Amino acid sequence: MAAPAPAVAPVDARVPPARLVPLAAQHVLAMLAAPVSTVFLLAGGLHLPPDRTAALLSATLVLCGIGALLQSFGVLRIGARLPFMMLPGGAAAALFLQIAREHGPATASGAVLLAAALLLAVLPLYGRVVRFFPPLVMGTTVLVIGVNMVAAAAPMAAVGSGPALVTVAATALGLVLLRGVLRQLSVLLGMAVGTATAALTGAPFRAVPGDAVLALPRLLPYGAPHFDLLAALPLLVFALASLAEATGQTVLNSEAVGRAPEPARDVPRTARADAVASLAAGLLGGTTMVTSAENIGIVRLTGVRSRFVTAAAGALLVVCGLLAPVTRLLAALPVPVVGGAALVIYAVIAAMGIDMLRRTDLTDRAASTVVALALLAGLLPVLAPRLYAPLPDWAHTLFGSGVPAAALTAALLSALFGRLDAGGRTAPAGAG
């Protein structure tokens, strides 16, 4: 009698094409605001004309798609084989503009390349120290990721509170009332209802100017990159700090798909894909690329854990980046609709952080102190963003972003309390 075929893990399960396309589209629509808004930010700050803006948008969407494919499939230890999407870093975009304004866009592109190279260089060492990020640290980090993302999405929703609230309500109703495949598409359905509401209420729709059929990326749009270590320092610090966020997101995604987390193996693969995509971004005029936690909320909400869905989403992004009419159509989504959908997704991510913290005994004084101080470090940039303004640029980069500040605070305090606790246990033996 033949042995039964081994069960396929949910993360490796293939999805029928009839479901694959709408599920992939849901991931694309949920993350689309970030690359589009980042491109508009860079284009406005660099005063790019419409044709170069279209080229930068094309490059960014293509890189987002390639990044999703790398993370979903994993090639030569590049990518974690998890259902991840990839985005241009929001804080990194601001740093890119700062460098471009002070030293020129060619130096900013050089800084992106240096940051990506530094990330690749430190990964072997990071793989040995990743064990210092226990659930206490990860839960706090994921909670702060969710809160920071809600804070980032709130201004988009506030642009038009009516469509945003309708999007949130329609998504929530879908999650509560629908079943099966329809429930899995709740975010997409919520955005459709929100878009219809925006159209009926006269809310403005965005558009990317131009009438070309193809929007092709441009290689070295600012000329040959210029390498200046001092000018690149803010992005170098950001690249190192982003490792903490990559750790939390990798563990979180592993748990969301039901795969036992293996940070020592998977985190370097996640960050390596970020670095490779960032190298390409530096050559195409963009800022550093980072793996996104946005789609993890969709995975948790829908229950669809297959990495083939995010791979299909990556393929869709590549197509969108190369076809200008599709790019313009996607970019026309109303800001409050995208913001409303993001609020639901990010709130789910924050709840997942709380769930991770439940594995820690918070009645323990040391654990509760670590969580309290890490939350303080992570939430202060959201609640009092000017607090760190007097600090030097490198310190402002490190502590002025909530996620790296919370992760590093939690990791350092956890290690400190662990060492003190170990010392307290061994002291009596030494005294005897």
Protein backbone atom coordinates (compact mmCIF):
# COMPACT_ATOMS: atom_id res chain seq x y z
CA MET A 1 0.00 0.00 0.00
CA ALA A 2 1.41 3.36 -1.05
CA ALA A 3 2.32 5.81 1.69
CA PRO A 4 0.07 8.87 1.93
CA ALA A 5 1.42 11.99 0.30
CA PRO A 6 2.95 14.41 2.80
CA ALA A 7 0.73 17.30 3.77
CA VAL A 8 1.62 20.63 2.17
CA ALA A 9 2.28 23.45 4.63
CA PRO A 10 -0.19 26.35 4.26
CA VAL A 11 2.62 28.72 3.29
CA ASP A 12 3.58 26.42 0.39
CA ALA A 13 0.04 25.65 -0.77
CA ARG A 14 -0.86 26.64 -4.31
CA VAL A 15 -4.01 28.69 -4.88
CA PRO A 16 -6.35 28.17 -7.87
CA PRO A 17 -6.03 30.95 -10.48
CA ALA A 18 -9.65 32.02 -9.99
CA ARG A 19 -8.82 32.94 -6.39
CA LEU A 20 -5.16 33.83 -6.90
CA VAL A 21 -5.73 36.98 -8.96
CA PRO A 22 -8.23 38.74 -6.65
CA LEU A 23 -6.25 37.74 -3.55
CA ALA A 24 -3.06 39.10 -5.14
CA ALA A 25 -4.87 42.28 -6.19
CA GLN A 26 -5.96 42.77 -2.59
CA HIS A 27 -2.33 42.77 -1.44
CA VAL A 28 -1.39 45.21 -4.20
CA LEU A 29 -4.20 47.63 -3.39
CA ALA A 30 -3.47 47.50 0.32
CA MET A 31 0.18 48.49 -0.12
CA LEU A 32 -0.11 50.74 -3.18
CA ALA A 33 -0.34 54.03 -1.28
CA ALA A 34 3.18 53.70 0.14
CA PRO A 35 5.16 53.48 -3.13
CA VAL A 36 2.97 56.03 -4.90
CA SER A 37 3.13 58.56 -2.05
CA THR A 38 6.89 58.01 -1.68
CA VAL A 39 7.42 58.70 -5.39
CA PHE A 40 5.32 61.87 -5.19
CA LEU A 41 7.35 62.93 -2.13
CA LEU A 42 10.66 62.38 -3.91
CA ALA A 43 9.46 63.94 -7.17
CA GLY A 44 8.20 67.04 -5.37
CA GLY A 45 11.34 67.43 -3.29
CA LEU A 46 13.62 66.98 -6.31
CA HIS A 47 11.34 69.02 -8.63
CA LEU A 48 11.16 66.22 -11.18
CA PRO A 49 9.15 66.81 -14.39
CA PRO A 50 6.17 64.52 -15.15
CA ASP A 51 8.10 62.16 -17.43
CA ARG A 52 10.82 61.54 -14.86
CA THR A 53 8.18 61.16 -12.16
CA ALA A 54 6.51 58.47 -14.26
CA ALA A 55 9.87 56.74 -14.74
CA LEU A 56 10.55 56.83 -10.99
CA LEU A 57 7.07 55.46 -10.26
CA SER A 58 7.68 52.70 -12.79
CA ALA A 59 11.01 51.81 -11.18
CA THR A 60 9.53 51.81 -7.69
CA LEU A 61 6.59 49.56 -8.55
CA VAL A 62 8.84 47.17 -10.48
CA LEU A 63 11.24 46.96 -7.52
CA CYS A 64 8.34 46.38 -5.12
CA GLY A 65 7.22 43.53 -7.37
CA ILE A 66 10.69 42.01 -7.68
CA GLY A 67 11.13 42.30 -3.93
CA ALA A 68 7.86 40.42 -3.32
CA LEU A 69 8.96 37.70 -5.74
CA LEU A 70 12.34 37.38 -4.00
CA GLN A 71 10.76 37.16 -0.55
CA SER A 72 8.06 34.72 -1.68
CA PHE A 73 10.24 32.30 -3.65
CA GLY A 74 13.69 32.76 -2.08
CA VAL A 75 16.69 32.44 -4.41
CA LEU A 76 20.23 31.66 -3.22
CA ARG A 77 19.29 32.54 0.38
CA ILE A 78 17.87 35.85 -0.82
CA GLY A 79 14.31 35.98 0.51
CA ALA A 80 12.67 34.11 3.39
CA ARG A 81 10.06 32.15 1.36
CA LEU A 82 7.31 33.90 3.30
CA PRO A 83 4.30 35.89 2.00
CA PHE A 84 6.02 39.27 2.18
CA MET A 85 5.62 42.46 0.15
CA MET A 86 8.29 45.14 -0.21
CA LEU A 87 8.06 48.93 -0.10
CA PRO A 88 10.31 51.98 -0.24
CA GLY A 89 11.05 53.00 3.34
CA GLY A 90 9.09 56.07 4.44
CA ALA A 91 11.72 57.34 6.87
CA ALA A 92 14.40 56.43 4.35
CA ALA A 93 12.68 58.61 1.73
CA ALA A 94 12.89 61.61 4.06
CA LEU A 95 16.57 60.90 4.68
CA PHE A 96 17.16 60.50 0.93
CA LEU A 97 15.63 63.94 0.33
CA GLN A 98 17.69 65.48 3.13
CA ILE A 99 20.90 64.15 1.57
CA ALA A 100 19.78 65.20 -1.92
CA ARG A 101 19.05 68.75 -0.81
CA GLU A 102 22.36 69.14 1.00
CA HIS A 103 24.68 67.20 -1.32
CA GLY A 104 22.74 66.53 -4.54
CA PRO A 105 20.66 63.57 -5.77
CA ALA A 106 23.74 61.72 -7.07
CA THR A 107 25.14 61.66 -3.51
CA ALA A 108 21.75 60.49 -2.23
CA SER A 109 21.80 57.59 -4.70
CA GLY A 110 25.34 56.77 -3.57
CA ALA A 111 24.12 56.76 0.04
CA VAL A 112 21.44 54.20 -0.87
CA LEU A 113 24.07 51.96 -2.43
CA LEU A 114 26.35 52.32 0.60
CA ALA A 115 23.51 51.53 3.00
CA ALA A 116 22.59 48.40 1.03
CA ALA A 117 26.23 47.27 0.95
CA LEU A 118 26.56 47.81 4.72
CA LEU A 119 23.43 45.74 5.32
CA LEU A 120 24.87 42.86 3.31
CA ALA A 121 28.18 43.12 5.19
CA VAL A 122 26.71 42.92 8.71
CA LEU A 123 24.23 40.09 8.07
CA PRO A 124 26.62 37.22 8.92
CA LEU A 125 27.26 38.79 12.33
CA TYR A 126 23.59 39.58 12.87
CA GLY A 127 22.65 35.96 12.33
CA ARG A 128 24.63 35.08 15.47
CA VAL A 129 23.03 37.68 17.72
CA VAL A 130 19.42 37.35 16.61
CA ARG A 131 18.78 35.02 19.57
CA PHE A 132 18.80 38.11 21.77
CA PHE A 133 15.34 38.99 20.41
CA PRO A 134 12.96 36.83 22.52
CA PRO A 135 9.10 37.07 22.42
CA LEU A 136 9.25 39.90 24.96
CA VAL A 137 11.27 41.99 22.54
CA MET A 138 9.39 40.84 19.45
CA GLY A 139 5.93 41.39 20.93
CA THR A 140 6.81 44.93 22.00
CA THR A 141 8.35 45.64 18.59
CA VAL A 142 5.33 44.33 16.67
CA LEU A 143 2.94 46.31 18.88
CA VAL A 144 4.92 49.49 18.20
CA ILE A 145 5.01 48.66 14.47
CA GLY A 146 1.20 48.51 14.45
CA VAL A 147 0.78 51.74 16.43
CA ASN A 148 3.31 53.61 14.28
CA MET A 149 1.59 52.40 11.13
CA VAL A 150 -1.82 53.50 12.41
CA ALA A 151 -0.33 56.92 13.12
CA ALA A 152 1.16 57.04 9.61
CA ALA A 153 -2.12 56.01 7.95
CA ALA A 154 -4.33 58.32 10.01
CA PRO A 155 -3.46 61.50 8.02
CA MET A 156 -4.39 59.70 4.78
CA ALA A 157 -7.76 58.74 6.26
CA ALA A 158 -8.28 62.26 7.59
CA VAL A 159 -8.07 63.72 4.08
CA GLY A 160 -11.65 62.57 3.58
CA SER A 161 -13.18 61.13 6.72
CA GLY A 162 -16.38 60.03 4.97
CA PRO A 163 -14.84 57.60 2.44
CA ALA A 164 -12.28 56.48 5.03
CA LEU A 165 -14.92 55.62 7.63
CA VAL A 166 -17.04 53.85 5.02
CA THR A 167 -14.00 51.81 3.99
CA VAL A 168 -13.29 50.85 7.61
CA ALA A 169 -16.94 49.99 8.27
CA ALA A 170 -17.37 47.97 5.07
CA THR A 171 -14.15 46.03 5.76
CA ALA A 172 -15.20 45.33 9.35
CA LEU A 173 -18.68 44.19 8.27
CA GLY A 174 -17.13 41.89 5.68
CA LEU A 175 -14.88 40.31 8.30
CA VAL A 176 -17.81 39.80 10.68
CA LEU A 177 -20.61 38.79 8.31
CA LEU A 178 -19.00 37.12 5.29
CA ARG A 179 -17.67 33.60 5.06
CA GLY A 180 -15.25 31.67 2.88
CA VAL A 181 -13.70 33.37 -0.14
CA LEU A 182 -15.77 36.53 0.29
CA ARG A 183 -14.44 37.00 3.80
CA GLN A 184 -10.92 36.62 2.45
CA LEU A 185 -11.60 39.55 0.12
CA SER A 186 -12.98 41.84 2.85
CA VAL A 187 -10.23 44.43 2.47
CA LEU A 188 -10.68 44.56 -1.30
CA LEU A 189 -14.47 44.80 -0.97
CA GLY A 190 -14.13 47.51 1.66
CA MET A 191 -11.91 49.54 -0.64
CA ALA A 192 -14.39 49.09 -3.50
CA VAL A 193 -17.24 50.39 -1.33
CA GLY A 194 -15.05 53.26 -0.13
CA THR A 195 -14.06 54.18 -3.68
CA ALA A 196 -17.71 54.21 -4.77
CA THR A 197 -18.50 56.46 -1.81
CA ALA A 198 -15.67 58.80 -2.74
CA ALA A 199 -16.99 59.02 -6.30
CA LEU A 200 -20.54 59.77 -5.11
CA THR A 201 -19.39 62.43 -2.64
CA GLY A 202 -17.06 64.17 -5.08
CA ALA A 203 -13.82 63.29 -3.29
CA PRO A 204 -10.71 64.04 -5.41
CA PHE A 205 -9.07 61.18 -7.28
CA ARG A 206 -5.31 61.24 -7.81
CA ALA A 207 -3.73 60.86 -11.22
CA VAL A 208 -0.24 60.47 -12.69
CA PRO A 209 0.12 62.76 -15.71
CA GLY A 210 1.14 61.39 -19.10
CA ASP A 211 -0.32 59.44 -22.03
CA ALA A 212 2.45 56.93 -22.85
CA VAL A 213 1.70 53.21 -23.01
CA LEU A 214 4.97 52.10 -21.41
CA ALA A 215 6.65 53.69 -18.39
CA LEU A 216 10.18 52.32 -18.29
CA PRO A 217 12.61 52.85 -15.41
CA ARG A 218 15.68 54.97 -16.10
CA LEU A 219 19.15 53.78 -15.14
CA LEU A 220 21.16 56.35 -13.12
CA PRO A 221 18.64 59.21 -13.62
CA TYR A 222 20.80 61.61 -11.56
CA GLY A 223 24.08 60.65 -13.20
CA ALA A 224 26.86 58.50 -11.76
CA PRO A 225 26.40 57.95 -7.98
CA HIS A 226 28.69 59.94 -5.72
CA PHE A 227 29.90 58.18 -2.58
CA ASP A 228 30.29 60.32 0.55
CA LEU A 229 30.40 58.36 3.84
CA LEU A 230 29.70 61.39 6.01
CA ALA A 231 26.73 62.48 3.91
CA ALA A 232 25.46 58.89 3.85
CA LEU A 233 25.65 58.47 7.64
CA PRO A 234 21.90 58.97 8.30
CA LEU A 235 20.96 56.23 5.81
CA LEU A 236 23.70 53.95 7.14
CA VAL A 237 22.29 54.26 10.66
CA PHE A 238 18.78 53.67 9.31
CA ALA A 239 19.94 50.50 7.52
CA LEU A 240 21.36 49.07 10.75
CA ALA A 241 18.29 50.06 12.75
CA SER A 242 16.00 48.48 10.14
CA LEU A 243 17.38 45.05 11.09
CA ALA A 244 15.38 45.16 14.30
CA GLU A 245 12.18 45.78 12.35
CA ALA A 246 13.05 43.01 9.90
CA THR A 247 13.43 40.63 12.84
CA GLY A 248 10.00 41.42 14.24
CA GLN A 249 8.31 41.20 10.86
CA THR A 250 9.95 37.89 9.98
CA VAL A 251 8.95 36.27 13.26
CA LEU A 252 5.47 37.76 12.96
CA ASN A 253 5.00 36.52 9.41
CA SER A 254 6.27 33.05 10.30
CA GLU A 255 3.72 32.80 13.08
CA ALA A 256 0.95 34.21 10.89
CA VAL A 257 1.44 31.41 8.34
CA GLY A 258 1.84 28.69 10.97
CA ARG A 259 5.56 28.10 10.42
CA ALA A 260 7.85 27.75 13.43
CA PRO A 261 9.99 30.91 13.52
CA GLU A 262 13.69 30.35 12.78
CA PRO A 263 15.13 33.88 13.09
CA ALA A 264 18.77 32.84 12.74
CA ARG A 265 17.99 31.40 9.30
CA ASP A 266 15.14 33.59 8.04
CA VAL A 267 16.01 37.10 9.21
CA PRO A 268 19.27 37.31 7.22
CA ARG A 269 17.37 36.05 4.16
CA THR A 270 14.68 38.69 4.64
CA ALA A 271 17.22 41.48 5.09
CA ARG A 272 19.36 40.19 2.22
CA ALA A 273 16.41 40.60 -0.16
CA ASP A 274 15.92 44.14 1.18
CA ALA A 275 19.57 44.91 0.49
CA VAL A 276 19.50 43.49 -3.05
CA ALA A 277 16.35 45.47 -3.90
CA SER A 278 17.94 48.58 -2.36
CA LEU A 279 21.02 48.17 -4.55
CA ALA A 280 18.74 48.19 -7.59
CA ALA A 281 16.83 51.19 -6.19
CA GLY A 282 20.05 53.15 -5.86
CA LEU A 283 20.75 52.56 -9.55
CA LEU A 284 17.22 53.56 -10.59
CA GLY A 285 16.90 56.76 -8.56
CA GLY A 286 14.88 55.45 -5.62
CA THR A 287 15.41 55.16 -1.89
CA THR A 288 16.14 52.05 0.17
CA MET A 289 13.59 49.24 0.02
CA VAL A 290 12.25 47.48 3.10
CA THR A 291 10.10 44.42 3.66
CA SER A 292 6.61 45.50 4.64
CA ALA A 293 4.40 44.27 7.48
CA GLU A 294 1.28 45.62 5.77
CA ASN A 295 0.34 42.37 4.07
CA ILE A 296 0.83 40.34 7.27
CA GLY A 297 -2.40 41.85 8.54
CA ILE A 298 -4.16 40.68 5.38
CA VAL A 299 -2.74 37.18 5.85
CA ARG A 300 -4.08 37.14 9.40
CA LEU A 301 -7.45 38.60 8.43
CA THR A 302 -8.10 36.35 5.44
CA GLY A 303 -6.46 33.14 6.63
CA VAL A 304 -4.80 32.72 3.19
CA ARG A 305 -1.17 31.93 4.05
CA SER A 306 0.26 30.93 0.68
CA ARG A 307 3.42 32.68 -0.47
CA PHE A 308 2.22 32.15 -4.05
CA VAL A 309 -0.38 34.87 -3.46
CA THR A 310 2.29 37.48 -2.67
CA ALA A 311 4.38 36.17 -5.56
CA ALA A 312 1.40 36.82 -7.86
CA ALA A 313 1.05 40.25 -6.27
CA GLY A 314 4.71 40.88 -7.09
CA ALA A 315 4.10 39.90 -10.71
CA LEU A 316 1.11 42.27 -10.83
CA LEU A 317 3.27 45.09 -9.49
CA VAL A 318 5.88 44.51 -12.19
CA VAL A 319 3.14 44.67 -14.84
CA CYS A 320 1.67 47.80 -13.25
CA GLY A 321 5.10 49.41 -13.19
CA LEU A 322 5.69 48.77 -16.88
CA LEU A 323 2.21 49.64 -18.18
CA ALA A 324 1.63 53.36 -17.77
CA PRO A 325 -2.21 53.27 -18.13
CA VAL A 326 -2.46 50.70 -15.35
CA THR A 327 -0.09 52.71 -13.19
CA ARG A 328 -2.15 55.86 -13.65
CA LEU A 329 -5.36 53.98 -12.83
CA LEU A 330 -3.93 52.50 -9.64
CA ALA A 331 -2.47 55.83 -8.59
CA ALA A 332 -5.91 57.42 -8.93
CA LEU A 333 -7.28 55.60 -5.86
CA PRO A 334 -8.55 58.19 -3.36
CA VAL A 335 -6.16 58.78 -0.49
CA PRO A 336 -8.78 58.34 2.28
CA VAL A 337 -9.88 54.97 0.91
CA VAL A 338 -6.35 53.59 1.03
CA GLY A 339 -5.89 55.17 4.45
CA GLY A 340 -9.09 53.60 5.79
CA ALA A 341 -8.09 50.12 4.65
CA ALA A 342 -4.62 50.61 6.12
CA LEU A 343 -6.08 51.50 9.53
CA VAL A 344 -7.81 48.12 9.80
CA ILE A 345 -4.75 46.19 8.67
CA TYR A 346 -2.38 48.02 11.00
CA ALA A 347 -4.71 47.62 13.97
CA VAL A 348 -4.62 43.86 13.40
CA ILE A 349 -0.81 43.98 13.42
CA ALA A 350 -0.85 45.80 16.78
CA ALA A 351 -3.19 43.13 18.16
CA MET A 352 -0.77 40.44 16.99
CA GLY A 353 1.97 42.12 19.02
CA ILE A 354 -0.26 41.97 22.10
CA ASP A 355 -0.84 38.28 21.41
CA MET A 356 2.93 37.70 21.30
CA LEU A 357 3.35 39.52 24.62
CA ARG A 358 0.89 37.11 26.25
CA ARG A 359 3.66 34.50 26.20
CA THR A 360 5.64 36.62 28.65
CA ASP A 361 4.83 36.82 32.34
CA LEU A 362 4.17 40.54 32.65
CA THR A 363 3.65 40.16 36.40
CA ASP A 364 7.42 39.79 36.55
CA ARG A 365 8.93 43.16 37.48
CA ALA A 366 11.80 42.96 34.99
CA ALA A 367 9.54 41.97 32.06
CA SER A 368 6.98 44.68 32.80
CA THR A 369 9.77 47.26 33.09
CA VAL A 370 11.23 46.26 29.73
CA VAL A 371 7.82 46.51 28.04
CA ALA A 372 7.01 49.86 29.69
CA LEU A 373 10.31 51.52 28.77
CA ALA A 374 10.35 50.05 25.25
CA LEU A 375 6.80 51.28 24.62
CA LEU A 376 7.85 54.70 25.91
CA ALA A 377 10.79 54.78 23.50
CA GLY A 378 8.61 53.58 20.62
CA LEU A 379 5.61 55.83 21.20
CA LEU A 380 7.36 59.09 22.04
CA PRO A 381 8.25 59.77 18.37
CA VAL A 382 4.53 59.41 17.59
CA LEU A 383 3.20 61.41 20.56
CA ALA A 384 5.98 64.02 20.78
CA PRO A 385 7.84 63.99 17.45
CA ARG A 386 9.88 67.11 18.27
CA LEU A 387 11.35 65.65 21.45
CA TYR A 388 14.48 64.38 19.69
CA ALA A 389 14.95 67.45 17.49
CA PRO A 390 17.96 68.81 19.48
CA LEU A 391 19.85 65.51 19.10
CA PRO A 392 22.56 65.01 16.44
CA ASP A 393 21.39 63.70 13.09
CA TRP A 394 22.53 60.12 13.73
CA ALA A 395 20.79 60.01 17.13
CA HIS A 396 17.66 61.62 15.72
CA THR A 397 17.63 58.97 12.99
CA LEU A 398 17.95 56.17 15.53
CA PHE A 399 15.61 57.39 18.28
CA GLY A 400 13.28 59.57 16.24
CA SER A 401 11.76 56.50 14.56
CA GLY A 402 9.57 54.53 16.94
CA VAL A 403 10.19 50.99 15.73
CA PRO A 404 14.02 50.89 15.89
CA ALA A 405 13.95 52.81 19.19
CA ALA A 406 11.49 50.36 20.77
CA ALA A 407 13.26 47.28 19.43
CA LEU A 408 16.72 48.36 20.54
CA THR A 409 15.46 49.51 23.95
CA ALA A 410 13.65 46.23 24.52
CA ALA A 411 16.63 44.14 23.35
CA LEU A 412 19.19 46.00 25.46
CA LEU A 413 17.05 46.05 28.61
CA SER A 414 16.07 42.41 28.19
CA ALA A 415 19.74 41.42 27.89
CA LEU A 416 20.65 43.62 30.87
CA PHE A 417 17.96 42.17 33.13
CA GLY A 418 18.85 38.68 31.95
CA ARG A 419 22.50 39.23 32.87
CA LEU A 420 21.58 40.72 36.25
CA ASP A 421 19.23 37.82 36.94
CA ALA A 422 21.90 35.30 35.99
CA GLY A 423 24.39 37.08 38.22
CA GLY A 424 21.93 37.00 41.12
CA ARG A 425 21.43 33.24 40.70
CA THR A 426 25.15 32.45 40.59
CA ALA A 427 26.20 34.79 43.40
CA PRO A 428 25.32 32.47 46.30
CA ALA A 429 27.31 29.61 44.79
CA GLY A 430 30.31 31.84 44.32
CA ALA A 431 30.06 33.06 47.91
CA GLY A 432 30.19 29.51 49.25
